[in-house]
Every structure is written in C-alpha cells, then in structure tokens.
C-alpha atoms as a PDB file:
ATOM      1  CA  MET A   1     166.400  86.332  68.021  1.00  0.00           C
ATOM      2  CA  VAL A   2     167.462  83.048  66.036  1.00  0.00           C
ATOM      3  CA  LYS A   3     166.712  82.294  62.501  1.00  0.00           C
ATOM      4  CA  CYS A   4     167.150  78.474  61.152  1.00  0.00           C
ATOM      5  CA  ASN A   5     167.874  78.011  57.219  1.00  0.00           C
ATOM      6  CA  ASN A   6     167.567  74.840  56.220  1.00  0.00           C
ATOM      7  CA  ALA A   7     169.261  73.354  53.010  1.00  0.00           C
ATOM      8  CA  TYR A   8     167.586  73.550  49.621  1.00  0.00           C
ATOM      9  CA  GLU A   9     166.811  69.787  48.631  1.00  0.00           C
ATOM     10  CA  LYS A  10     167.111  68.372  45.492  1.00  0.00           C
ATOM     11  CA  PRO A  11     163.472  67.944  44.022  1.00  0.00           C
ATOM     12  CA  LYS A  12     162.371  65.091  41.573  1.00  0.00           C
ATOM     13  CA  GLY A  13     163.029  65.833  38.248  1.00  0.00           C
ATOM     14  CA  ARG A  14     165.353  68.637  38.160  1.00  0.00           C
ATOM     15  CA  ASP A  15     168.529  69.929  39.455  1.00  0.00           C
ATOM     16  CA  LEU A  16     169.150  72.477  42.019  1.00  0.00           C
ATOM     17  CA  THR A  17     169.995  75.741  40.676  1.00  0.00           C
ATOM     18  CA  GLN A  18     173.325  77.509  41.320  1.00  0.00           C
ATOM     19  CA  TYR A  19     172.220  79.725  43.541  1.00  0.00           C
ATOM     20  CA  GLU A  20     170.484  76.972  45.306  1.00  0.00           C
ATOM     21  CA  LYS A  21     174.028  74.911  45.560  1.00  0.00           C
ATOM     22  CA  HIS A  22     175.609  78.540  47.062  1.00  0.00           C
ATOM     23  CA  LEU A  23     173.331  78.600  49.757  1.00  0.00           C
ATOM     24  CA  ASN A  24     173.690  75.458  50.595  1.00  0.00           C
ATOM     25  CA  LYS A  25     177.266  75.974  50.492  1.00  0.00           C
ATOM     26  CA  LEU A  26     177.025  78.565  53.121  1.00  0.00           C
ATOM     27  CA  ILE A  27     174.875  76.894  55.265  1.00  0.00           C
ATOM     28  CA  SER A  28     176.909  73.698  55.644  1.00  0.00           C
ATOM     29  CA  GLY A  29     180.182  75.772  56.496  1.00  0.00           C
ATOM     30  CA  ILE A  30     178.172  77.845  59.233  1.00  0.00           C
ATOM     31  CA  ARG A  31     176.889  74.610  60.658  1.00  0.00           C
ATOM     32  CA  VAL A  32     179.813  72.892  60.518  1.00  0.00           C
ATOM     33  CA  LYS A  33     181.196  75.583  63.097  1.00  0.00           C
ATOM     34  CA  VAL A  34     178.234  75.364  65.339  1.00  0.00           C
ATOM     35  CA  GLU A  35     178.264  71.521  65.381  1.00  0.00           C
ATOM     36  CA  HIS A  36     182.102  71.593  66.347  1.00  0.00           C
ATOM     37  CA  ALA A  37     181.303  74.748  69.012  1.00  0.00           C
ATOM     38  CA  ILE A  38     178.610  71.908  70.515  1.00  0.00           C
ATOM     39  CA  GLY A  39     180.729  69.018  70.206  1.00  0.00           C
ATOM     40  CA  GLY A  40     183.581  70.830  72.167  1.00  0.00           C
ATOM     41  CA  VAL A  41     181.383  71.856  75.154  1.00  0.00           C
ATOM     42  CA  LYS A  42     180.121  68.224  74.948  1.00  0.00           C
ATOM     43  CA  ARG A  43     183.645  67.094  76.206  1.00  0.00           C
ATOM     44  CA  PHE A  44     182.758  68.101  79.560  1.00  0.00           C
ATOM     45  CA  GLY A  45     180.695  65.012  80.969  1.00  0.00           C
ATOM     46  CA  ILE A  46     178.319  67.345  83.473  1.00  0.00           C
ATOM     47  CA  VAL A  47     176.757  69.000  80.035  1.00  0.00           C
ATOM     48  CA  SER A  48     176.591  65.348  77.907  1.00  0.00           C
ATOM     49  CA  ASN A  49     175.298  62.981  80.987  1.00  0.00           C
ATOM     50  CA  ILE A  50     171.952  63.140  82.559  1.00  0.00           C
ATOM     51  CA  PHE A  51     172.163  66.247  85.215  1.00  0.00           C
ATOM     52  CA  ARG A  52     170.098  65.312  88.187  1.00  0.00           C
ATOM     53  CA  ASN A  53     170.982  68.209  90.040  1.00  0.00           C
ATOM     54  CA  LYS A  54     167.309  70.026  90.761  1.00  0.00           C
ATOM     55  CA  THR A  55     168.510  73.127  92.483  1.00  0.00           C
ATOM     56  CA  ASP A  56     167.033  75.933  90.158  1.00  0.00           C
ATOM     57  CA  GLY A  57     169.351  77.721  87.804  1.00  0.00           C
ATOM     58  CA  LEU A  58     172.260  75.572  88.252  1.00  0.00           C
ATOM     59  CA  ASP A  59     171.939  73.710  84.999  1.00  0.00           C
ATOM     60  CA  ASP A  60     172.122  77.319  83.258  1.00  0.00           C
ATOM     61  CA  LYS A  61     175.844  78.019  85.511  1.00  0.00           C
ATOM     62  CA  VAL A  62     177.149  74.706  84.285  1.00  0.00           C
ATOM     63  CA  MET A  63     176.340  75.699  80.844  1.00  0.00           C
ATOM     64  CA  GLU A  64     177.806  78.928  80.937  1.00  0.00           C
ATOM     65  CA  ILE A  65     180.755  77.742  82.999  1.00  0.00           C
ATOM     66  CA  SER A  66     181.144  75.067  80.143  1.00  0.00           C
ATOM     67  CA  CYS A  67     180.572  77.352  77.136  1.00  0.00           C
ATOM     68  CA  GLY A  68     183.042  79.557  79.141  1.00  0.00           C
ATOM     69  CA  LEU A  69     186.115  76.741  79.985  1.00  0.00           C
ATOM     70  CA  TRP A  70     185.542  75.808  75.666  1.00  0.00           C
ATOM     71  CA  ASN A  71     186.206  79.157  74.701  1.00  0.00           C
ATOM     72  CA  TYR A  72     188.902  79.888  76.741  1.00  0.00           C
ATOM     73  CA  HIS A  73     190.649  76.395  75.512  1.00  0.00           C
ATOM     74  CA  LEU A  74     190.507  77.685  71.845  1.00  0.00           C
ATOM     75  CA  LEU A  75     191.431  81.620  72.682  1.00  0.00           C
ATOM     76  CA  SER A  76     195.084  79.245  74.354  1.00  0.00           C
ATOM     77  CA  SER A  77     196.027  76.844  71.946  1.00  0.00           C
END
C-alpha cells in the first residue's frame, strides 16, 4: 500500500506553522529522491517513449529490467 502525503499550502491571511514547514521539508526531500529515481529510469528510451508492443506482460518486464539496470548503475558508481 502506498500513502501519498501532500505538502501544506499557505492559507490566505496567515503563515504556515513551524510544524507544517518542517513536514513540507521532509516531504520535499523524499519527493526529490523519488523524482531522481524516475528520471534515471527514464534515461532508457524504451521506458520514456511510446511502447507499441502488445505482448501481454512485456511492458512490466521492460520496466523491471530498466529499474534493475538503473539500480545496478547506482550501486556500481
């Protein structure tokens, strides 16, 4: 199960509390790591371009292999 946390927005007429600012910093730090991981996987053209192959389950395999290759790249560098 995945839980998505949205950052707090500044309401009209008042500032965010220190707690809300702290949570926003935590959320943004996690978001940056996730976005960098997605960006790294998208370096593989087969993931970022339109995938026209209709073979059942092949798109999932391509994503698994791309993620595995990106993880290998991160571990070896």
